[in-house]
N, C-alpha and C. Protein backbone atom coordinates (compact mmCIF):
# COMPACT_ATOMS: atom_id res chain seq x y z
N MET A 1 7.56 -14.39 -23.38
CA MET A 1 7.64 -15.66 -23.84
C MET A 1 6.18 -16.04 -24.48
N SER A 2 6.39 -16.64 -25.66
CA SER A 2 5.23 -16.88 -26.32
C SER A 2 5.03 -18.45 -26.24
N ASP A 3 4.00 -19.13 -26.67
CA ASP A 3 3.66 -20.49 -26.76
C ASP A 3 4.10 -21.19 -28.08
N ALA A 4 4.78 -20.38 -28.82
CA ALA A 4 5.17 -20.84 -30.21
C ALA A 4 5.97 -22.06 -30.17
N ARG A 5 5.66 -23.03 -30.90
CA ARG A 5 6.56 -24.26 -30.80
C ARG A 5 6.75 -24.75 -32.32
N LEU A 6 7.94 -25.04 -32.75
CA LEU A 6 8.03 -25.35 -34.05
C LEU A 6 8.80 -26.80 -33.99
N GLU A 7 8.17 -27.64 -34.75
CA GLU A 7 8.73 -29.03 -34.90
C GLU A 7 9.61 -29.13 -36.07
N ILE A 8 10.88 -29.61 -36.01
CA ILE A 8 11.69 -29.76 -37.14
C ILE A 8 11.88 -31.30 -37.22
N LEU A 9 11.67 -31.96 -38.31
CA LEU A 9 11.92 -33.39 -38.62
C LEU A 9 13.19 -33.23 -39.25
N MET A 10 14.25 -33.64 -38.55
CA MET A 10 15.56 -33.64 -38.91
C MET A 10 15.91 -34.91 -39.68
N VAL A 11 16.14 -34.98 -40.98
CA VAL A 11 16.53 -36.08 -41.66
C VAL A 11 17.88 -36.21 -41.97
N ARG A 12 18.51 -37.18 -41.52
CA ARG A 12 19.87 -37.54 -41.81
C ARG A 12 19.60 -38.21 -43.16
N HIS A 13 20.52 -37.93 -44.23
CA HIS A 13 20.29 -38.59 -45.51
C HIS A 13 20.44 -40.13 -45.45
N ALA A 14 19.88 -40.59 -46.43
CA ALA A 14 19.88 -42.10 -46.59
C ALA A 14 21.14 -42.53 -47.08
N HIS A 15 21.41 -43.96 -47.16
CA HIS A 15 22.78 -44.43 -47.53
C HIS A 15 23.18 -44.12 -48.96
N ALA A 16 24.27 -43.63 -49.15
CA ALA A 16 24.97 -43.17 -50.33
C ALA A 16 26.07 -43.96 -50.89
N GLU A 17 26.09 -43.98 -52.31
CA GLU A 17 27.24 -44.58 -52.84
C GLU A 17 28.60 -43.81 -52.52
N TRP A 18 29.57 -44.37 -52.37
CA TRP A 18 30.81 -43.69 -51.79
C TRP A 18 31.65 -43.21 -53.07
N VAL A 19 31.67 -41.85 -53.15
CA VAL A 19 32.70 -41.37 -54.01
C VAL A 19 33.51 -40.34 -53.20
N PRO A 20 34.69 -39.87 -53.62
CA PRO A 20 35.52 -39.03 -52.79
C PRO A 20 35.16 -37.51 -52.86
N ASP A 21 33.90 -37.30 -53.22
CA ASP A 21 33.54 -35.88 -53.07
C ASP A 21 32.08 -35.75 -52.60
N GLU A 22 31.49 -34.59 -52.53
CA GLU A 22 30.20 -34.55 -52.00
C GLU A 22 29.06 -34.73 -52.93
N SER A 23 29.47 -35.11 -54.21
CA SER A 23 28.45 -35.42 -55.21
C SER A 23 27.77 -36.82 -55.27
N ARG A 24 28.17 -37.69 -54.09
CA ARG A 24 27.62 -38.78 -54.20
C ARG A 24 26.10 -38.92 -54.05
N PRO A 25 25.51 -39.85 -54.92
CA PRO A 25 23.96 -40.09 -54.94
C PRO A 25 23.69 -41.25 -53.98
N LEU A 26 22.42 -41.28 -53.73
CA LEU A 26 21.87 -42.40 -52.81
C LEU A 26 22.08 -43.82 -53.66
N SER A 27 22.39 -44.84 -52.76
CA SER A 27 22.51 -46.13 -53.28
C SER A 27 21.01 -46.63 -53.56
N PRO A 28 20.88 -47.84 -54.23
CA PRO A 28 19.50 -48.39 -54.17
C PRO A 28 18.92 -48.50 -53.08
N ARG A 29 19.63 -48.95 -51.82
CA ARG A 29 18.97 -49.07 -50.49
C ARG A 29 18.58 -47.77 -50.07
N GLY A 30 19.52 -46.60 -50.30
CA GLY A 30 19.00 -45.44 -49.88
C GLY A 30 17.83 -44.78 -50.54
N ARG A 31 17.60 -45.26 -51.74
CA ARG A 31 16.38 -44.69 -52.65
C ARG A 31 15.22 -45.45 -51.99
N ARG A 32 15.27 -46.74 -51.71
CA ARG A 32 14.24 -47.32 -50.98
C ARG A 32 13.84 -46.75 -49.63
N ASP A 33 14.89 -46.47 -48.87
CA ASP A 33 14.58 -45.72 -47.67
C ASP A 33 14.05 -44.48 -47.76
N ALA A 34 14.44 -43.72 -48.86
CA ALA A 34 13.85 -42.35 -48.91
C ALA A 34 12.32 -42.43 -49.31
N GLU A 35 11.93 -43.49 -50.05
CA GLU A 35 10.52 -43.77 -50.37
C GLU A 35 9.93 -44.14 -48.99
N THR A 36 10.54 -44.78 -48.11
CA THR A 36 10.00 -45.29 -46.76
C THR A 36 9.66 -43.92 -45.97
N ILE A 37 10.66 -42.97 -46.08
CA ILE A 37 10.53 -41.80 -45.20
C ILE A 37 9.26 -41.01 -45.80
N ALA A 38 9.18 -40.90 -47.17
CA ALA A 38 8.10 -40.24 -47.81
C ALA A 38 6.62 -40.87 -47.34
N ARG A 39 6.64 -42.21 -47.39
CA ARG A 39 5.39 -42.73 -46.90
C ARG A 39 5.10 -42.46 -45.62
N ARG A 40 6.01 -42.47 -44.74
CA ARG A 40 5.75 -42.47 -43.33
C ARG A 40 5.53 -41.01 -42.87
N LEU A 41 5.93 -39.98 -43.64
CA LEU A 41 5.69 -38.64 -43.29
C LEU A 41 4.63 -37.97 -44.12
N ALA A 42 4.12 -38.68 -45.19
CA ALA A 42 3.23 -38.05 -46.04
C ALA A 42 1.87 -37.54 -45.39
N GLY A 43 1.56 -38.06 -44.25
CA GLY A 43 0.44 -37.65 -43.47
C GLY A 43 0.67 -36.54 -42.46
N THR A 44 1.75 -36.18 -42.50
CA THR A 44 2.23 -35.05 -41.57
C THR A 44 2.06 -33.66 -42.18
N PRO A 45 1.45 -32.84 -41.59
CA PRO A 45 1.21 -31.40 -42.19
C PRO A 45 2.64 -30.64 -42.03
N LEU A 46 3.03 -30.50 -43.22
CA LEU A 46 4.44 -29.78 -43.38
C LEU A 46 4.11 -28.34 -44.01
N ASP A 47 4.93 -27.37 -43.38
CA ASP A 47 4.95 -26.10 -43.82
C ASP A 47 5.92 -25.80 -44.87
N ALA A 48 7.09 -26.58 -44.86
CA ALA A 48 8.16 -26.50 -45.74
C ALA A 48 9.16 -27.54 -45.69
N ILE A 49 10.00 -27.77 -46.65
CA ILE A 49 11.05 -28.75 -46.69
C ILE A 49 12.34 -28.08 -47.01
N TYR A 50 13.34 -28.19 -46.25
CA TYR A 50 14.57 -27.64 -46.41
C TYR A 50 15.60 -28.73 -46.51
N SER A 51 16.70 -28.54 -47.29
CA SER A 51 17.82 -29.49 -47.57
C SER A 51 19.16 -28.94 -47.90
N SER A 52 20.03 -29.54 -47.38
CA SER A 52 21.56 -29.39 -47.86
C SER A 52 21.50 -29.44 -49.34
N PRO A 53 22.70 -28.70 -49.93
CA PRO A 53 22.59 -28.80 -51.39
C PRO A 53 23.21 -30.17 -51.86
N TYR A 54 23.83 -31.08 -50.97
CA TYR A 54 24.42 -32.15 -51.44
C TYR A 54 23.32 -33.23 -52.00
N PRO A 55 23.73 -33.87 -53.18
CA PRO A 55 22.58 -34.77 -53.81
C PRO A 55 22.01 -35.75 -52.83
N ARG A 56 22.83 -36.39 -51.96
CA ARG A 56 22.30 -37.41 -51.04
C ARG A 56 21.20 -36.95 -50.20
N ALA A 57 21.43 -35.71 -49.72
CA ALA A 57 20.32 -35.11 -48.94
C ALA A 57 19.17 -34.74 -49.69
N LEU A 58 19.33 -34.10 -50.88
CA LEU A 58 18.20 -33.73 -51.49
C LEU A 58 17.48 -35.02 -52.05
N GLN A 59 18.17 -35.89 -52.54
CA GLN A 59 17.49 -37.23 -52.93
C GLN A 59 16.71 -37.93 -51.85
N THR A 60 16.97 -37.59 -50.59
CA THR A 60 16.42 -38.25 -49.57
C THR A 60 15.02 -37.63 -49.36
N VAL A 61 14.96 -36.46 -49.55
CA VAL A 61 13.62 -35.75 -49.37
C VAL A 61 12.77 -35.56 -50.59
N GLU A 62 13.46 -35.84 -51.78
CA GLU A 62 12.67 -35.66 -53.05
C GLU A 62 11.28 -36.27 -53.07
N PRO A 63 11.36 -37.61 -52.68
CA PRO A 63 9.93 -38.40 -52.73
C PRO A 63 9.09 -37.73 -51.67
N LEU A 64 9.34 -37.29 -50.56
CA LEU A 64 8.52 -36.70 -49.83
C LEU A 64 7.92 -35.30 -50.19
N ALA A 65 8.87 -34.47 -50.93
CA ALA A 65 8.33 -33.15 -51.53
C ALA A 65 7.33 -33.61 -52.51
N GLU A 66 7.56 -34.49 -53.47
CA GLU A 66 6.60 -34.99 -54.49
C GLU A 66 5.41 -35.28 -53.70
N ARG A 67 5.45 -36.18 -52.78
CA ARG A 67 4.04 -36.66 -52.08
C ARG A 67 3.19 -35.61 -51.52
N VAL A 68 3.81 -34.70 -50.96
CA VAL A 68 3.14 -33.41 -50.19
C VAL A 68 2.91 -32.43 -50.97
N GLY A 69 3.61 -32.18 -52.23
CA GLY A 69 3.22 -30.94 -53.07
C GLY A 69 4.29 -29.77 -52.77
N LEU A 70 5.41 -30.02 -52.01
CA LEU A 70 6.16 -28.91 -51.60
C LEU A 70 7.46 -28.73 -52.42
N GLU A 71 7.97 -27.56 -52.76
CA GLU A 71 9.30 -27.45 -53.15
C GLU A 71 10.18 -27.51 -52.11
N ILE A 72 11.45 -27.99 -52.61
CA ILE A 72 12.53 -28.20 -51.56
C ILE A 72 13.36 -26.93 -51.47
N ALA A 73 13.60 -26.13 -50.40
CA ALA A 73 14.37 -24.99 -50.28
C ALA A 73 15.79 -25.43 -49.85
N VAL A 74 16.67 -25.23 -50.69
CA VAL A 74 18.08 -25.52 -50.49
C VAL A 74 18.90 -24.41 -49.73
N LEU A 75 19.52 -24.92 -48.68
CA LEU A 75 20.35 -23.93 -47.73
C LEU A 75 21.68 -24.48 -47.67
N ASP A 76 22.59 -23.76 -48.18
CA ASP A 76 23.98 -24.13 -47.97
C ASP A 76 24.37 -24.37 -46.70
N GLY A 77 23.93 -23.63 -45.79
CA GLY A 77 24.33 -23.82 -44.40
C GLY A 77 23.92 -25.29 -43.73
N LEU A 78 23.10 -26.09 -44.38
CA LEU A 78 22.73 -27.28 -43.84
C LEU A 78 23.59 -28.42 -44.38
N ARG A 79 24.56 -28.04 -45.28
CA ARG A 79 25.52 -29.11 -45.73
C ARG A 79 26.47 -29.74 -44.73
N GLU A 80 27.15 -30.91 -44.89
CA GLU A 80 27.86 -31.48 -43.99
C GLU A 80 29.16 -30.69 -43.50
N ARG A 81 29.82 -31.01 -42.54
CA ARG A 81 30.90 -30.30 -42.16
C ARG A 81 32.03 -30.92 -43.22
N THR A 82 32.90 -29.99 -43.54
CA THR A 82 33.85 -30.40 -44.27
C THR A 82 35.18 -30.82 -43.41
N LEU A 83 35.34 -32.21 -43.48
CA LEU A 83 36.46 -32.85 -42.59
C LEU A 83 37.78 -32.37 -42.96
N ALA A 84 38.05 -32.57 -44.27
CA ALA A 84 39.26 -32.20 -44.87
C ALA A 84 39.35 -32.08 -46.33
N ASP A 85 40.29 -31.56 -46.99
CA ASP A 85 40.41 -31.41 -48.42
C ASP A 85 40.95 -32.80 -48.91
N GLY A 86 40.00 -33.76 -49.11
CA GLY A 86 40.25 -35.05 -49.51
C GLY A 86 40.00 -36.00 -48.34
N ALA A 87 40.31 -37.34 -48.54
CA ALA A 87 40.06 -38.39 -47.58
C ALA A 87 41.06 -38.27 -46.69
N VAL A 88 40.59 -38.88 -45.37
CA VAL A 88 41.54 -39.02 -44.32
C VAL A 88 41.91 -40.41 -44.17
N ASP A 89 43.18 -40.72 -43.68
CA ASP A 89 43.60 -42.09 -43.43
C ASP A 89 42.76 -42.89 -42.62
N ASP A 90 42.35 -42.37 -41.39
CA ASP A 90 41.67 -43.21 -40.47
C ASP A 90 40.26 -42.39 -40.13
N PHE A 91 39.14 -42.47 -40.82
CA PHE A 91 38.08 -41.74 -40.66
C PHE A 91 37.53 -41.75 -39.30
N PRO A 92 37.31 -42.95 -38.66
CA PRO A 92 36.76 -43.11 -37.27
C PRO A 92 37.74 -42.30 -36.37
N ALA A 93 38.92 -42.40 -36.40
CA ALA A 93 39.98 -41.67 -35.33
C ALA A 93 39.80 -40.12 -35.64
N ALA A 94 39.78 -39.80 -36.86
CA ALA A 94 39.49 -38.39 -37.28
C ALA A 94 38.30 -37.67 -36.70
N MET A 95 37.14 -38.50 -36.91
CA MET A 95 36.04 -37.97 -36.27
C MET A 95 36.02 -37.98 -34.83
N ARG A 96 36.60 -38.88 -34.14
CA ARG A 96 36.73 -38.88 -32.69
C ARG A 96 37.45 -37.67 -32.26
N ALA A 97 38.60 -37.43 -33.00
CA ALA A 97 39.60 -36.35 -32.68
C ALA A 97 38.67 -35.07 -32.65
N CYS A 98 37.98 -34.84 -33.70
CA CYS A 98 37.18 -33.55 -33.93
C CYS A 98 36.06 -33.44 -32.92
N TRP A 99 35.48 -34.56 -32.50
CA TRP A 99 34.34 -34.32 -31.34
C TRP A 99 35.16 -34.03 -30.06
N ASP A 100 36.33 -34.51 -29.90
CA ASP A 100 37.07 -34.38 -28.61
C ASP A 100 37.72 -32.75 -28.53
N ASP A 101 38.02 -32.38 -29.68
CA ASP A 101 38.54 -30.95 -29.78
C ASP A 101 37.73 -30.20 -30.98
N LEU A 102 36.71 -29.45 -30.53
CA LEU A 102 35.86 -28.88 -31.46
C LEU A 102 36.57 -27.72 -32.27
N GLU A 103 37.79 -27.26 -31.91
CA GLU A 103 38.55 -26.45 -32.64
C GLU A 103 39.66 -27.10 -33.62
N LEU A 104 39.64 -28.38 -33.70
CA LEU A 104 40.72 -29.15 -34.58
C LEU A 104 40.03 -28.99 -35.85
N SER A 105 41.02 -28.76 -36.92
CA SER A 105 40.64 -28.97 -38.24
C SER A 105 41.85 -29.71 -38.98
N PHE A 106 41.49 -30.39 -39.99
CA PHE A 106 42.51 -31.02 -40.77
C PHE A 106 42.79 -30.25 -42.05
N PRO A 107 43.81 -30.25 -42.81
CA PRO A 107 44.05 -29.49 -43.95
C PRO A 107 42.86 -29.48 -44.94
N GLY A 108 42.46 -28.13 -45.20
CA GLY A 108 41.38 -27.77 -45.98
C GLY A 108 39.89 -28.03 -45.41
N GLY A 109 40.00 -28.61 -44.11
CA GLY A 109 38.63 -28.69 -43.23
C GLY A 109 38.16 -27.60 -42.54
N GLU A 110 37.01 -27.89 -41.99
CA GLU A 110 36.26 -26.92 -41.05
C GLU A 110 36.49 -27.36 -39.64
N THR A 111 36.66 -26.46 -38.65
CA THR A 111 36.57 -26.86 -37.33
C THR A 111 35.10 -27.34 -36.99
N SER A 112 34.91 -27.97 -35.96
CA SER A 112 33.32 -28.26 -35.55
C SER A 112 32.75 -26.96 -35.20
N VAL A 113 33.50 -26.17 -34.69
CA VAL A 113 32.78 -24.79 -34.17
C VAL A 113 32.57 -24.02 -35.43
N ALA A 114 33.26 -23.94 -36.40
CA ALA A 114 32.75 -23.26 -37.59
C ALA A 114 31.78 -23.85 -38.29
N ALA A 115 31.82 -25.18 -38.35
CA ALA A 115 30.69 -25.89 -39.13
C ALA A 115 29.38 -25.59 -38.30
N LEU A 116 29.41 -25.85 -36.93
CA LEU A 116 28.27 -25.59 -36.16
C LEU A 116 27.77 -24.15 -36.35
N GLY A 117 28.55 -23.07 -36.39
CA GLY A 117 28.07 -21.80 -36.50
C GLY A 117 27.20 -21.74 -37.86
N ARG A 118 27.87 -22.25 -38.82
CA ARG A 118 27.07 -22.14 -40.28
C ARG A 118 25.70 -22.90 -40.17
N PHE A 119 25.78 -24.01 -39.53
CA PHE A 119 24.55 -24.88 -39.42
C PHE A 119 23.49 -24.16 -38.54
N SER A 120 23.99 -23.56 -37.50
CA SER A 120 23.09 -22.88 -36.52
C SER A 120 22.50 -21.70 -37.10
N ARG A 121 23.27 -21.02 -37.94
CA ARG A 121 22.61 -19.75 -38.67
C ARG A 121 21.59 -20.36 -39.80
N ALA A 122 21.87 -21.43 -40.28
CA ALA A 122 20.79 -21.95 -41.21
C ALA A 122 19.48 -22.41 -40.47
N VAL A 123 19.64 -23.10 -39.35
CA VAL A 123 18.43 -23.28 -38.37
C VAL A 123 17.75 -22.11 -37.89
N ASP A 124 18.64 -21.20 -37.53
CA ASP A 124 17.92 -19.80 -37.11
C ASP A 124 17.12 -19.27 -38.24
N ARG A 125 17.63 -19.22 -39.47
CA ARG A 125 16.82 -18.75 -40.63
C ARG A 125 15.54 -19.63 -40.79
N ILE A 126 15.50 -20.72 -40.59
CA ILE A 126 14.42 -21.69 -40.72
C ILE A 126 13.33 -21.24 -39.52
N VAL A 127 14.02 -21.16 -38.44
CA VAL A 127 13.16 -20.86 -37.30
C VAL A 127 12.42 -19.45 -37.45
N ALA A 128 13.18 -18.38 -37.92
CA ALA A 128 12.80 -17.09 -38.16
C ALA A 128 11.57 -17.15 -39.10
N GLY A 129 11.54 -18.08 -40.05
CA GLY A 129 10.59 -18.16 -41.08
C GLY A 129 9.28 -19.02 -40.53
N HIS A 130 9.55 -19.52 -39.58
CA HIS A 130 8.23 -20.51 -39.03
C HIS A 130 8.33 -20.45 -37.59
N ALA A 131 7.35 -19.59 -37.03
CA ALA A 131 7.28 -19.42 -35.59
C ALA A 131 6.64 -20.63 -34.88
N SER A 132 5.85 -21.45 -35.80
CA SER A 132 5.33 -22.61 -35.27
C SER A 132 5.04 -23.49 -36.49
N GLY A 133 4.49 -24.83 -36.30
CA GLY A 133 4.27 -25.61 -37.25
C GLY A 133 5.22 -26.69 -37.39
N THR A 134 5.42 -27.35 -38.46
CA THR A 134 6.40 -28.52 -38.66
C THR A 134 7.02 -28.38 -40.10
N VAL A 135 8.28 -28.52 -40.10
CA VAL A 135 9.09 -28.23 -41.28
C VAL A 135 10.03 -29.61 -41.28
N ALA A 136 10.49 -29.99 -42.47
CA ALA A 136 11.47 -31.17 -42.60
C ALA A 136 12.78 -30.53 -43.09
N VAL A 137 13.95 -31.14 -42.56
CA VAL A 137 15.20 -30.67 -42.88
C VAL A 137 16.02 -31.83 -43.20
N ALA A 138 16.51 -31.88 -44.41
CA ALA A 138 17.46 -33.03 -44.85
C ALA A 138 19.01 -32.54 -44.76
N THR A 139 19.74 -33.27 -43.95
CA THR A 139 21.05 -32.87 -43.65
C THR A 139 21.92 -34.00 -43.43
N HIS A 140 22.79 -33.95 -42.61
CA HIS A 140 23.97 -34.98 -42.51
C HIS A 140 24.26 -35.33 -41.02
N GLY A 141 24.69 -36.35 -40.83
CA GLY A 141 24.96 -36.91 -39.51
C GLY A 141 25.94 -36.04 -38.55
N ASN A 142 27.11 -35.78 -39.31
CA ASN A 142 28.11 -35.12 -38.21
C ASN A 142 27.51 -33.67 -37.77
N ILE A 143 27.05 -33.02 -38.84
CA ILE A 143 26.62 -31.52 -38.26
C ILE A 143 25.42 -31.71 -37.56
N LEU A 144 24.45 -32.70 -37.83
CA LEU A 144 23.30 -32.73 -36.95
C LEU A 144 23.66 -33.14 -35.55
N GLY A 145 24.65 -33.99 -35.44
CA GLY A 145 25.04 -34.35 -34.13
C GLY A 145 25.65 -33.28 -33.31
N LEU A 146 26.49 -32.47 -34.13
CA LEU A 146 27.14 -31.36 -33.39
C LEU A 146 26.16 -30.22 -32.93
N TRP A 147 25.20 -30.17 -33.89
CA TRP A 147 24.02 -29.11 -33.48
C TRP A 147 23.33 -29.61 -32.29
N LEU A 148 22.85 -30.85 -32.30
CA LEU A 148 22.22 -31.42 -30.98
C LEU A 148 22.99 -31.25 -29.85
N GLN A 149 24.28 -31.53 -29.94
CA GLN A 149 25.16 -31.56 -28.93
C GLN A 149 25.37 -30.00 -28.29
N ASP A 150 25.33 -29.03 -29.21
CA ASP A 150 25.18 -27.72 -28.78
C ASP A 150 23.98 -27.40 -28.02
N GLN A 151 23.03 -27.98 -28.30
CA GLN A 151 21.57 -27.68 -27.57
C GLN A 151 21.77 -28.44 -26.24
N ASP A 152 22.28 -29.71 -26.20
CA ASP A 152 22.06 -30.59 -25.09
C ASP A 152 23.35 -31.38 -24.93
N SER A 153 24.23 -31.48 -23.81
CA SER A 153 25.36 -32.15 -24.13
C SER A 153 25.37 -33.65 -24.05
N ALA A 154 24.08 -34.28 -23.76
CA ALA A 154 23.93 -35.60 -23.98
C ALA A 154 24.08 -36.18 -25.33
N TYR A 155 23.90 -35.40 -26.42
CA TYR A 155 24.23 -35.75 -27.60
C TYR A 155 25.66 -35.57 -27.94
N ASP A 156 26.45 -36.64 -27.89
CA ASP A 156 27.95 -36.62 -28.03
C ASP A 156 28.39 -37.38 -29.18
N TYR A 157 29.66 -37.74 -29.08
CA TYR A 157 30.35 -38.65 -30.18
C TYR A 157 29.48 -39.95 -30.23
N HIS A 158 29.19 -40.62 -29.00
CA HIS A 158 28.69 -41.79 -29.12
C HIS A 158 27.27 -41.87 -29.75
N PHE A 159 26.55 -40.74 -29.46
CA PHE A 159 25.19 -40.68 -29.99
C PHE A 159 25.32 -40.62 -31.60
N TRP A 160 26.31 -39.67 -32.08
CA TRP A 160 26.59 -39.58 -33.43
C TRP A 160 26.98 -41.02 -34.09
N SER A 161 27.86 -41.78 -33.49
CA SER A 161 28.45 -42.99 -34.13
C SER A 161 27.26 -44.06 -34.06
N ARG A 162 26.16 -43.92 -33.29
CA ARG A 162 25.12 -44.79 -33.44
C ARG A 162 24.12 -44.37 -34.51
N MET A 163 23.99 -43.30 -35.10
CA MET A 163 23.18 -42.84 -36.12
C MET A 163 23.29 -43.63 -37.22
N THR A 164 22.07 -43.83 -37.91
CA THR A 164 21.87 -44.59 -39.09
C THR A 164 21.67 -43.86 -40.48
N TRP A 165 21.89 -44.65 -41.51
CA TRP A 165 21.49 -43.82 -42.84
C TRP A 165 20.27 -44.66 -43.31
N PRO A 166 19.01 -43.91 -43.35
CA PRO A 166 18.90 -42.70 -42.99
C PRO A 166 18.55 -42.61 -41.46
N ASP A 167 18.39 -41.53 -40.76
CA ASP A 167 17.95 -41.51 -39.50
C ASP A 167 16.97 -40.18 -39.55
N LEU A 168 16.03 -40.21 -38.51
CA LEU A 168 14.93 -39.28 -38.52
C LEU A 168 14.57 -38.81 -36.96
N TYR A 169 14.81 -37.69 -36.76
CA TYR A 169 14.40 -37.07 -35.31
C TYR A 169 13.40 -36.01 -35.48
N ARG A 170 12.39 -35.91 -34.61
CA ARG A 170 11.46 -34.96 -34.33
C ARG A 170 12.21 -33.99 -33.21
N VAL A 171 12.58 -32.83 -33.79
CA VAL A 171 13.22 -31.80 -32.85
C VAL A 171 12.17 -30.63 -32.49
N ALA A 172 11.68 -30.41 -31.32
CA ALA A 172 10.84 -29.41 -30.98
C ALA A 172 11.52 -28.39 -30.37
N LEU A 173 11.17 -27.17 -30.89
CA LEU A 173 11.83 -25.84 -30.36
C LEU A 173 10.67 -25.09 -29.80
N ALA A 174 10.84 -24.38 -28.72
CA ALA A 174 9.87 -23.45 -28.24
C ALA A 174 10.72 -22.12 -28.08
N ASP A 175 10.25 -21.01 -28.47
CA ASP A 175 11.01 -19.81 -28.59
C ASP A 175 12.63 -19.93 -29.03
N GLY A 176 12.61 -20.81 -30.03
CA GLY A 176 14.10 -21.01 -30.65
C GLY A 176 14.87 -21.85 -29.68
N ARG A 177 14.44 -22.50 -28.59
CA ARG A 177 15.26 -23.38 -27.89
C ARG A 177 14.71 -24.77 -27.82
N LEU A 178 15.68 -25.68 -27.85
CA LEU A 178 15.28 -27.16 -27.85
C LEU A 178 14.41 -27.52 -26.55
N VAL A 179 13.25 -28.15 -26.81
CA VAL A 179 12.77 -28.72 -25.73
C VAL A 179 12.37 -30.08 -25.71
N GLU A 180 12.58 -30.73 -26.89
CA GLU A 180 12.27 -32.25 -27.04
C GLU A 180 13.02 -32.80 -28.21
N VAL A 181 13.56 -33.87 -28.10
CA VAL A 181 14.03 -34.72 -29.18
C VAL A 181 13.52 -36.13 -29.10
N GLU A 182 12.93 -36.62 -30.28
CA GLU A 182 12.45 -37.81 -30.38
C GLU A 182 12.82 -38.64 -31.62
N ARG A 183 13.49 -39.84 -31.56
CA ARG A 183 13.90 -40.44 -32.67
C ARG A 183 12.62 -41.22 -33.31
N LEU A 184 12.53 -40.92 -34.61
CA LEU A 184 11.28 -41.47 -35.42
C LEU A 184 11.59 -42.74 -36.21
N TRP A 185 13.04 -42.74 -36.56
CA TRP A 185 13.26 -43.75 -37.70
C TRP A 185 13.35 -45.24 -37.11
N ASP A 186 12.76 -46.09 -37.69
CA ASP A 186 12.74 -47.42 -37.36
C ASP A 186 12.98 -48.16 -38.77
N ALA A 187 13.88 -49.02 -38.82
CA ALA A 187 14.41 -49.60 -40.22
C ALA A 187 13.39 -50.57 -40.59
N SER A 188 12.45 -51.03 -39.64
CA SER A 188 11.48 -52.07 -40.15
C SER A 188 10.38 -51.50 -40.99
N PRO A 189 9.92 -52.32 -41.78
CA PRO A 189 9.02 -51.87 -42.85
C PRO A 189 7.58 -51.35 -42.43
């Protein structure tokens, strides 16, 4: 066992304009919140910034990347879980059902297990590249909640349902295992 500790600043993307596909951009409120994240994290020594390929995640960390002078590395595995091929009639009920049954999938969608496997491989890749230090990761609420639940069962559907746009967590890993989670986001200026 080493004393290596990696801190991942897990950034759930800021508020986005609704469109029925994954190309949705940040809303004006989301852009303001992305600037707030950049200001708050600008003094944090970051080794890297990673993001989901979806515009709302990338746009959330672009101001931070500009402030600290880092390129954003895009990892497809950090994308949101595909719930279905198209919209579902009752999104809250569909999400609850997927949290209750991790093997459930809707037509054209991923199971929670499959999405979690994809996301976990992306996080493992990040961990392999950074034995210690601090990195920022822009991602999405459902997949982040599932990953945290896989690490600690205290992170459940109710945790996910209370997440905000954006949200920010400092996740500390030692030897690749979760040792601490701290919520950093506060919507006040």
